[in-house]
Amino acid sequence: MYAPELEAERLQYVVEALGIIHSIHLAAEAGELSDAANQANKPKRR
């Protein structure tokens, strides 16, 4: 079923979903980076 009048709305949903996915990826990357930084900055135990 193709409904041209729904195209703009559908596109908006796709763009929103991609934005959400993108921010999840960024958050995950930032989390990994901060984990790595925390590991590197931890004082070494003897």
PDB file of N, CA and C in Angstrom:
ATOM      1  N   MET A   1       0.851  -1.198   0.000  1.00  0.00           N
ATOM      2  CA  MET A   1       0.000   0.000   0.000  1.00  0.00           C
ATOM      3  C   MET A   1       0.884   1.244   0.000  1.00  0.00           C
ATOM      4  N   TYR A   2       0.686   2.086  -0.988  1.00  0.00           N
ATOM      5  CA  TYR A   2       1.480   3.310  -1.072  1.00  0.00           C
ATOM      6  C   TYR A   2       0.559   4.512  -0.918  1.00  0.00           C
ATOM      7  N   ALA A   3       0.834   5.315   0.086  1.00  0.00           N
ATOM      8  CA  ALA A   3       0.014   6.503   0.319  1.00  0.00           C
ATOM      9  C   ALA A   3       0.931   7.720   0.328  1.00  0.00           C
ATOM     10  N   PRO A   4       0.997   8.447  -0.770  1.00  0.00           N
ATOM     11  CA  PRO A   4       1.915   9.595  -0.875  1.00  0.00           C
ATOM     12  C   PRO A   4       1.702  10.625   0.227  1.00  0.00           C
ATOM     13  N   GLU A   5       0.467  10.790   0.683  1.00  0.00           N
ATOM     14  CA  GLU A   5       0.198  11.814   1.698  1.00  0.00           C
ATOM     15  C   GLU A   5       0.805  11.440   3.052  1.00  0.00           C
ATOM     16  N   LEU A   6       1.139  10.167   3.230  1.00  0.00           N
ATOM     17  CA  LEU A   6       1.765   9.741   4.486  1.00  0.00           C
ATOM     18  C   LEU A   6       3.286   9.809   4.417  1.00  0.00           C
ATOM     19  N   GLU A   7       3.802  10.082   3.231  1.00  0.00           N
ATOM     20  CA  GLU A   7       5.252  10.012   3.018  1.00  0.00           C
ATOM     21  C   GLU A   7       6.021  10.943   3.952  1.00  0.00           C
ATOM     22  N   ALA A   8       5.584  12.188   4.084  1.00  0.00           N
ATOM     23  CA  ALA A   8       6.292  13.165   4.916  1.00  0.00           C
ATOM     24  C   ALA A   8       6.296  12.716   6.374  1.00  0.00           C
ATOM     25  N   GLU A   9       5.153  12.213   6.825  1.00  0.00           N
ATOM     26  CA  GLU A   9       5.051  11.766   8.215  1.00  0.00           C
ATOM     27  C   GLU A   9       5.952  10.559   8.459  1.00  0.00           C
ATOM     28  N   ARG A  10       5.929   9.632   7.510  1.00  0.00           N
ATOM     29  CA  ARG A  10       6.766   8.438   7.636  1.00  0.00           C
ATOM     30  C   ARG A  10       8.240   8.825   7.682  1.00  0.00           C
ATOM     31  N   LEU A  11       8.620   9.765   6.813  1.00  0.00           N
ATOM     32  CA  LEU A  11      10.004  10.233   6.771  1.00  0.00           C
ATOM     33  C   LEU A  11      10.398  10.839   8.115  1.00  0.00           C
ATOM     34  N   GLN A  12       9.473  11.591   8.702  1.00  0.00           N
ATOM     35  CA  GLN A  12       9.756  12.217   9.997  1.00  0.00           C
ATOM     36  C   GLN A  12      10.016  11.138  11.053  1.00  0.00           C
ATOM     37  N   TYR A  13       9.204  10.069  11.047  1.00  0.00           N
ATOM     38  CA  TYR A  13       9.412   8.981  12.005  1.00  0.00           C
ATOM     39  C   TYR A  13      10.775   8.322  11.805  1.00  0.00           C
ATOM     40  N   VAL A  14      11.137   8.114  10.543  1.00  0.00           N
ATOM     41  CA  VAL A  14      12.423   7.488  10.234  1.00  0.00           C
ATOM     42  C   VAL A  14      13.564   8.358  10.748  1.00  0.00           C
ATOM     43  N   VAL A  15      13.469   9.667  10.486  1.00  0.00           N
ATOM     44  CA  VAL A  15      14.516  10.589  10.923  1.00  0.00           C
ATOM     45  C   VAL A  15      14.609  10.602  12.447  1.00  0.00           C
ATOM     46  N   GLU A  16      13.451  10.616  13.120  1.00  0.00           N
ATOM     47  CA  GLU A  16      13.448  10.588  14.589  1.00  0.00           C
ATOM     48  C   GLU A  16      14.089   9.307  15.106  1.00  0.00           C
ATOM     49  N   ALA A  17      13.714   8.183  14.512  1.00  0.00           N
ATOM     50  CA  ALA A  17      14.263   6.898  14.941  1.00  0.00           C
ATOM     51  C   ALA A  17      15.778   6.874  14.750  1.00  0.00           C
ATOM     52  N   LEU A  18      16.242   7.382  13.611  1.00  0.00           N
ATOM     53  CA  LEU A  18      17.682   7.423  13.362  1.00  0.00           C
ATOM     54  C   LEU A  18      18.377   8.315  14.381  1.00  0.00           C
ATOM     55  N   GLY A  19      17.747   9.425  14.737  1.00  0.00           N
ATOM     56  CA  GLY A  19      18.313  10.323  15.741  1.00  0.00           C
ATOM     57  C   GLY A  19      18.454   9.627  17.077  1.00  0.00           C
ATOM     58  N   ILE A  20      17.424   8.855  17.443  1.00  0.00           N
ATOM     59  CA  ILE A  20      17.451   8.128  18.714  1.00  0.00           C
ATOM     60  C   ILE A  20      18.560   7.079  18.683  1.00  0.00           C
ATOM     61  N   ILE A  21      18.630   6.324  17.587  1.00  0.00           N
ATOM     62  CA  ILE A  21      19.675   5.301  17.443  1.00  0.00           C
ATOM     63  C   ILE A  21      21.056   5.948  17.519  1.00  0.00           C
ATOM     64  N   HIS A  22      21.196   7.084  16.841  1.00  0.00           N
ATOM     65  CA  HIS A  22      22.481   7.791  16.829  1.00  0.00           C
ATOM     66  C   HIS A  22      22.886   8.206  18.237  1.00  0.00           C
ATOM     67  N   SER A  23      21.934   8.749  18.999  1.00  0.00           N
ATOM     68  CA  SER A  23      22.288   9.205  20.346  1.00  0.00           C
ATOM     69  C   SER A  23      22.591   8.024  21.264  1.00  0.00           C
ATOM     70  N   ILE A  24      21.932   6.887  21.025  1.00  0.00           N
ATOM     71  CA  ILE A  24      22.247   5.681  21.809  1.00  0.00           C
ATOM     72  C   ILE A  24      23.683   5.247  21.517  1.00  0.00           C
ATOM     73  N   HIS A  25      24.056   5.260  20.229  1.00  0.00           N
ATOM     74  CA  HIS A  25      25.425   4.896  19.851  1.00  0.00           C
ATOM     75  C   HIS A  25      26.433   5.842  20.480  1.00  0.00           C
ATOM     76  N   LEU A  26      26.132   7.148  20.435  1.00  0.00           N
ATOM     77  CA  LEU A  26      27.043   8.134  21.019  1.00  0.00           C
ATOM     78  C   LEU A  26      27.184   7.893  22.516  1.00  0.00           C
ATOM     79  N   ALA A  27      26.062   7.631  23.178  1.00  0.00           N
ATOM     80  CA  ALA A  27      26.094   7.397  24.621  1.00  0.00           C
ATOM     81  C   ALA A  27      26.896   6.140  24.929  1.00  0.00           C
ATOM     82  N   ALA A  28      26.712   5.102  24.125  1.00  0.00           N
ATOM     83  CA  ALA A  28      27.451   3.856  24.334  1.00  0.00           C
ATOM     84  C   ALA A  28      28.942   4.089  24.131  1.00  0.00           C
ATOM     85  N   GLU A  29      29.289   4.838  23.086  1.00  0.00           N
ATOM     86  CA  GLU A  29      30.692   5.140  22.821  1.00  0.00           C
ATOM     87  C   GLU A  29      31.285   5.955  23.959  1.00  0.00           C
ATOM     88  N   ALA A  30      30.546   6.961  24.401  1.00  0.00           N
ATOM     89  CA  ALA A  30      31.019   7.809  25.493  1.00  0.00           C
ATOM     90  C   ALA A  30      31.209   6.964  26.750  1.00  0.00           C
ATOM     91  N   GLY A  31      30.294   6.031  26.985  1.00  0.00           N
ATOM     92  CA  GLY A  31      30.402   5.142  28.134  1.00  0.00           C
ATOM     93  C   GLY A  31      31.647   4.284  28.056  1.00  0.00           C
ATOM     94  N   GLU A  32      31.920   3.756  26.874  1.00  0.00           N
ATOM     95  CA  GLU A  32      33.121   2.932  26.703  1.00  0.00           C
ATOM     96  C   GLU A  32      34.369   3.766  26.915  1.00  0.00           C
ATOM     97  N   LEU A  33      34.358   4.988  26.386  1.00  0.00           N
ATOM     98  CA  LEU A  33      35.529   5.849  26.532  1.00  0.00           C
ATOM     99  C   LEU A  33      35.750   6.200  27.995  1.00  0.00           C
ATOM    100  N   SER A  34      34.673   6.510  28.721  1.00  0.00           N
ATOM    101  CA  SER A  34      34.856   6.879  30.122  1.00  0.00           C
ATOM    102  C   SER A  34      35.275   5.658  30.940  1.00  0.00           C
ATOM    103  N   ASP A  35      34.790   4.470  30.563  1.00  0.00           N
ATOM    104  CA  ASP A  35      35.252   3.247  31.231  1.00  0.00           C
ATOM    105  C   ASP A  35      36.752   3.079  31.033  1.00  0.00           C
ATOM    106  N   ALA A  36      37.199   3.286  29.800  1.00  0.00           N
ATOM    107  CA  ALA A  36      38.622   3.147  29.491  1.00  0.00           C
ATOM    108  C   ALA A  36      39.428   4.184  30.260  1.00  0.00           C
ATOM    109  N   ALA A  37      38.915   5.400  30.323  1.00  0.00           N
ATOM    110  CA  ALA A  37      39.610   6.465  31.051  1.00  0.00           C
ATOM    111  C   ALA A  37      39.676   6.127  32.535  1.00  0.00           C
ATOM    112  N   ASN A  38      38.578   5.611  33.065  1.00  0.00           N
ATOM    113  CA  ASN A  38      38.566   5.242  34.484  1.00  0.00           C
ATOM    114  C   ASN A  38      39.575   4.140  34.764  1.00  0.00           C
ATOM    115  N   GLN A  39      39.669   3.176  33.866  1.00  0.00           N
ATOM    116  CA  GLN A  39      40.649   2.097  34.036  1.00  0.00           C
ATOM    117  C   GLN A  39      42.062   2.669  34.015  1.00  0.00           C
ATOM    118  N   ALA A  40      42.313   3.592  33.083  1.00  0.00           N
ATOM    119  CA  ALA A  40      43.655   4.144  32.921  1.00  0.00           C
ATOM    120  C   ALA A  40      44.037   5.023  34.111  1.00  0.00           C
ATOM    121  N   ASN A  41      43.046   5.693  34.696  1.00  0.00           N
ATOM    122  CA  ASN A  41      43.338   6.642  35.774  1.00  0.00           C
ATOM    123  C   ASN A  41      43.334   6.003  37.155  1.00  0.00           C
ATOM    124  N   LYS A  42      42.927   4.742  37.210  1.00  0.00           N
ATOM    125  CA  LYS A  42      42.885   4.061  38.505  1.00  0.00           C
ATOM    126  C   LYS A  42      44.296   3.888  39.049  1.00  0.00           C
ATOM    127  N   PRO A  43      44.490   4.216  40.315  1.00  0.00           N
ATOM    128  CA  PRO A  43      45.820   3.957  40.889  1.00  0.00           C
ATOM    129  C   PRO A  43      46.098   2.453  40.876  1.00  0.00           C
ATOM    130  N   LYS A  44      47.298   2.093  40.566  1.00  0.00           N
ATOM    131  CA  LYS A  44      47.654   0.674  40.500  1.00  0.00           C
ATOM    132  C   LYS A  44      47.737   0.103  41.911  1.00  0.00           C
ATOM    133  N   ARG A  45      47.119  -1.049  42.070  1.00  0.00           N
ATOM    134  CA  ARG A  45      47.188  -1.705  43.383  1.00  0.00           C
ATOM    135  C   ARG A  45      48.437  -2.559  43.455  1.00  0.00           C
ATOM    136  N   ARG A  46      49.037  -2.590  44.622  1.00  0.00           N
ATOM    137  CA  ARG A  46      50.243  -3.414  44.763  1.00  0.00           C
ATOM    138  C   ARG A  46      50.002  -4.534  45.727  1.00  0.00           C
TER     139      ARG A  46
END
